[in-house]
């Protein structure tokens, strides 16, 4: 897998999120995160960004518990990068 594929999936997720198509957006974000974790490692800042994007989509679907876990993960990754 190439990182650019993950970037394209993230962009598609953003577009769908902007259109209020949260289920579809979630699918693209999850696939993006899977690729980013494999290619860049689970603690890469890019993974954190996708986790935070996915958290927004889950929150919009009323899935607060899942969203909170992703926010914690994304935030922890970004804090380690400082």
N, C-alpha and C. Protein backbone atom coordinates (compact mmCIF):
# COMPACT_ATOMS: atom_id res chain seq x y z
N UNK A 1 0.84 -1.18 0.00
CA UNK A 1 0.00 0.00 0.00
C UNK A 1 0.88 1.24 0.00
N UNK A 2 0.37 2.25 -0.61
CA UNK A 2 1.10 3.50 -0.71
C UNK A 2 0.39 4.56 0.14
N UNK A 3 1.16 5.43 0.80
CA UNK A 3 0.55 6.47 1.63
C UNK A 3 -0.42 7.37 0.88
N UNK A 4 -0.21 7.54 -0.43
CA UNK A 4 -1.11 8.40 -1.20
C UNK A 4 -2.51 7.81 -1.29
N UNK A 5 -2.61 6.48 -1.23
CA UNK A 5 -3.94 5.85 -1.23
C UNK A 5 -4.67 6.25 0.05
N UNK A 6 -3.97 6.20 1.17
CA UNK A 6 -4.57 6.61 2.44
C UNK A 6 -5.01 8.06 2.37
N UNK A 7 -4.18 8.91 1.79
CA UNK A 7 -4.53 10.33 1.67
C UNK A 7 -5.79 10.53 0.84
N UNK A 8 -5.90 9.78 -0.26
CA UNK A 8 -7.10 9.88 -1.11
C UNK A 8 -8.35 9.41 -0.36
N UNK A 9 -8.21 8.32 0.40
CA UNK A 9 -9.34 7.83 1.19
C UNK A 9 -9.75 8.85 2.25
N UNK A 10 -8.76 9.48 2.87
CA UNK A 10 -9.06 10.52 3.85
C UNK A 10 -9.82 11.67 3.20
N UNK A 11 -9.38 12.08 2.02
CA UNK A 11 -10.05 13.18 1.32
C UNK A 11 -11.49 12.82 0.97
N UNK A 12 -11.71 11.58 0.52
CA UNK A 12 -13.07 11.14 0.23
C UNK A 12 -13.92 11.16 1.50
N UNK A 13 -13.33 10.72 2.60
CA UNK A 13 -14.04 10.77 3.88
C UNK A 13 -14.44 12.18 4.26
N UNK A 14 -13.54 13.13 4.01
CA UNK A 14 -13.83 14.53 4.33
C UNK A 14 -14.98 15.07 3.49
N UNK A 15 -14.98 14.74 2.21
CA UNK A 15 -16.04 15.21 1.32
C UNK A 15 -17.39 14.65 1.77
N UNK A 16 -17.41 13.35 2.04
CA UNK A 16 -18.66 12.72 2.47
C UNK A 16 -19.12 13.26 3.82
N UNK A 17 -18.18 13.50 4.72
CA UNK A 17 -18.54 14.08 6.02
C UNK A 17 -19.19 15.45 5.80
N UNK A 18 -18.62 16.24 4.91
CA UNK A 18 -19.15 17.56 4.61
C UNK A 18 -20.55 17.51 4.02
N UNK A 19 -20.87 16.39 3.38
CA UNK A 19 -22.19 16.22 2.79
C UNK A 19 -23.18 15.58 3.77
N UNK A 20 -22.69 15.29 4.97
CA UNK A 20 -23.56 14.67 5.98
C UNK A 20 -23.75 13.18 5.78
N UNK A 21 -22.92 12.56 4.95
CA UNK A 21 -23.01 11.12 4.68
C UNK A 21 -22.03 10.40 5.61
N UNK A 22 -22.41 10.33 6.87
CA UNK A 22 -21.49 9.88 7.91
C UNK A 22 -21.15 8.40 7.83
N UNK A 23 -22.08 7.56 7.49
CA UNK A 23 -21.79 6.12 7.37
C UNK A 23 -20.76 5.88 6.26
N UNK A 24 -20.97 6.52 5.12
CA UNK A 24 -20.04 6.35 4.00
C UNK A 24 -18.67 6.93 4.35
N UNK A 25 -18.69 8.07 5.00
CA UNK A 25 -17.45 8.71 5.42
C UNK A 25 -16.68 7.81 6.37
N UNK A 26 -17.39 7.21 7.30
CA UNK A 26 -16.75 6.31 8.27
C UNK A 26 -16.00 5.18 7.56
N UNK A 27 -16.61 4.63 6.55
CA UNK A 27 -15.98 3.52 5.80
C UNK A 27 -14.64 3.95 5.22
N UNK A 28 -14.59 5.13 4.61
CA UNK A 28 -13.35 5.61 4.01
C UNK A 28 -12.30 5.93 5.07
N UNK A 29 -12.72 6.54 6.17
CA UNK A 29 -11.77 6.86 7.24
C UNK A 29 -11.19 5.58 7.86
N UNK A 30 -12.02 4.58 8.05
CA UNK A 30 -11.52 3.32 8.65
C UNK A 30 -10.50 2.66 7.72
N UNK A 31 -10.77 2.64 6.44
CA UNK A 31 -9.82 2.04 5.49
C UNK A 31 -8.54 2.86 5.45
N UNK A 32 -8.66 4.17 5.47
CA UNK A 32 -7.51 5.06 5.48
C UNK A 32 -6.65 4.78 6.71
N UNK A 33 -7.27 4.64 7.86
CA UNK A 33 -6.54 4.41 9.09
C UNK A 33 -5.83 3.06 9.05
N UNK A 34 -6.49 2.07 8.50
CA UNK A 34 -5.89 0.74 8.38
C UNK A 34 -4.61 0.81 7.54
N UNK A 35 -4.68 1.49 6.42
CA UNK A 35 -3.52 1.62 5.54
C UNK A 35 -2.43 2.45 6.21
N UNK A 36 -2.80 3.57 6.80
CA UNK A 36 -1.82 4.44 7.44
C UNK A 36 -1.09 3.72 8.57
N UNK A 37 -1.81 2.92 9.35
CA UNK A 37 -1.17 2.16 10.43
C UNK A 37 -0.16 1.16 9.89
N UNK A 38 -0.51 0.50 8.80
CA UNK A 38 0.40 -0.49 8.21
C UNK A 38 1.62 0.17 7.58
N UNK A 39 1.40 1.24 6.88
CA UNK A 39 2.47 1.88 6.11
C UNK A 39 3.36 2.76 6.99
N UNK A 40 2.75 3.53 7.89
CA UNK A 40 3.49 4.52 8.67
C UNK A 40 3.71 4.13 10.12
N UNK A 41 2.97 3.14 10.58
CA UNK A 41 3.06 2.72 11.98
C UNK A 41 1.90 3.28 12.79
N UNK A 42 1.53 2.59 13.86
CA UNK A 42 0.34 2.96 14.63
C UNK A 42 0.47 4.27 15.41
N UNK A 43 1.69 4.77 15.58
CA UNK A 43 1.89 6.00 16.34
C UNK A 43 2.31 7.19 15.49
N UNK A 44 2.06 7.09 14.20
CA UNK A 44 2.41 8.18 13.28
C UNK A 44 1.39 9.32 13.40
N UNK A 45 1.83 10.56 13.30
CA UNK A 45 0.90 11.69 13.38
C UNK A 45 -0.24 11.63 12.35
N UNK A 46 0.02 11.03 11.22
CA UNK A 46 -1.05 10.90 10.20
C UNK A 46 -2.18 10.02 10.72
N UNK A 47 -1.81 8.97 11.44
CA UNK A 47 -2.81 8.09 12.05
C UNK A 47 -3.63 8.88 13.05
N UNK A 48 -2.97 9.75 13.80
CA UNK A 48 -3.68 10.59 14.77
C UNK A 48 -4.71 11.48 14.08
N UNK A 49 -4.32 12.07 12.97
CA UNK A 49 -5.24 12.95 12.23
C UNK A 49 -6.46 12.18 11.75
N UNK A 50 -6.23 11.01 11.21
CA UNK A 50 -7.36 10.19 10.72
C UNK A 50 -8.24 9.76 11.89
N UNK A 51 -7.62 9.40 13.00
CA UNK A 51 -8.39 9.01 14.19
C UNK A 51 -9.31 10.14 14.64
N UNK A 52 -8.79 11.36 14.62
CA UNK A 52 -9.59 12.52 15.02
C UNK A 52 -10.71 12.80 14.00
N UNK A 53 -10.41 12.62 12.72
CA UNK A 53 -11.45 12.78 11.69
C UNK A 53 -12.56 11.75 11.88
N UNK A 54 -12.15 10.50 12.10
CA UNK A 54 -13.11 9.43 12.30
C UNK A 54 -13.94 9.69 13.56
N UNK A 55 -13.31 10.21 14.58
CA UNK A 55 -14.03 10.53 15.81
C UNK A 55 -15.16 11.53 15.55
N UNK A 56 -14.92 12.51 14.72
CA UNK A 56 -15.96 13.49 14.39
C UNK A 56 -17.16 12.82 13.73
N UNK A 57 -16.89 11.88 12.84
CA UNK A 57 -17.96 11.18 12.13
C UNK A 57 -18.75 10.30 13.10
N UNK A 58 -18.04 9.62 13.99
CA UNK A 58 -18.72 8.78 14.96
C UNK A 58 -19.56 9.63 15.92
N UNK A 59 -19.03 10.75 16.34
CA UNK A 59 -19.77 11.67 17.21
C UNK A 59 -21.05 12.13 16.52
N UNK A 60 -20.96 12.44 15.24
CA UNK A 60 -22.13 12.89 14.49
C UNK A 60 -23.20 11.80 14.38
N UNK A 61 -22.77 10.55 14.53
CA UNK A 61 -23.70 9.42 14.48
C UNK A 61 -24.20 9.03 15.88
N UNK A 62 -23.79 9.81 16.89
CA UNK A 62 -24.23 9.53 18.24
C UNK A 62 -23.44 8.42 18.92
N UNK A 63 -22.26 8.12 18.40
CA UNK A 63 -21.43 7.04 18.94
C UNK A 63 -20.29 7.65 19.76
N UNK A 64 -20.69 8.32 20.84
CA UNK A 64 -19.77 9.10 21.65
C UNK A 64 -18.66 8.27 22.27
N UNK A 65 -18.97 7.10 22.77
CA UNK A 65 -17.97 6.27 23.44
C UNK A 65 -16.84 5.90 22.47
N UNK A 66 -17.19 5.48 21.27
CA UNK A 66 -16.18 5.15 20.25
C UNK A 66 -15.39 6.40 19.86
N UNK A 67 -16.10 7.50 19.69
CA UNK A 67 -15.47 8.76 19.31
C UNK A 67 -14.47 9.20 20.37
N UNK A 68 -14.86 9.12 21.63
CA UNK A 68 -13.98 9.53 22.72
C UNK A 68 -12.69 8.71 22.75
N UNK A 69 -12.81 7.42 22.49
CA UNK A 69 -11.62 6.56 22.48
C UNK A 69 -10.65 6.99 21.37
N UNK A 70 -11.19 7.34 20.23
CA UNK A 70 -10.33 7.78 19.11
C UNK A 70 -9.72 9.15 19.39
N UNK A 71 -10.46 10.02 20.04
CA UNK A 71 -9.91 11.33 20.40
C UNK A 71 -8.75 11.14 21.38
N UNK A 72 -8.94 10.26 22.36
CA UNK A 72 -7.84 9.99 23.30
C UNK A 72 -6.62 9.44 22.58
N UNK A 73 -6.84 8.51 21.68
CA UNK A 73 -5.72 7.92 20.93
C UNK A 73 -5.01 8.96 20.08
N UNK A 74 -5.77 9.71 19.30
CA UNK A 74 -5.18 10.73 18.43
C UNK A 74 -4.43 11.78 19.21
N UNK A 75 -4.99 12.22 20.31
CA UNK A 75 -4.37 13.23 21.15
C UNK A 75 -3.07 12.71 21.75
N UNK A 76 -3.10 11.46 22.22
CA UNK A 76 -1.89 10.85 22.82
C UNK A 76 -0.76 10.77 21.79
N UNK A 77 -1.08 10.38 20.58
CA UNK A 77 -0.06 10.30 19.52
C UNK A 77 0.54 11.67 19.27
N UNK A 78 -0.30 12.68 19.15
CA UNK A 78 0.19 14.03 18.85
C UNK A 78 1.02 14.59 20.00
N UNK A 79 0.66 14.28 21.23
CA UNK A 79 1.44 14.74 22.39
C UNK A 79 2.83 14.13 22.37
N UNK A 80 2.94 12.87 21.99
CA UNK A 80 4.26 12.20 21.94
C UNK A 80 5.15 12.82 20.87
N UNK A 81 4.56 13.40 19.85
CA UNK A 81 5.34 13.97 18.75
C UNK A 81 5.97 15.30 19.11
N UNK A 82 5.52 15.93 20.15
CA UNK A 82 6.03 17.27 20.51
C UNK A 82 7.40 17.21 21.04
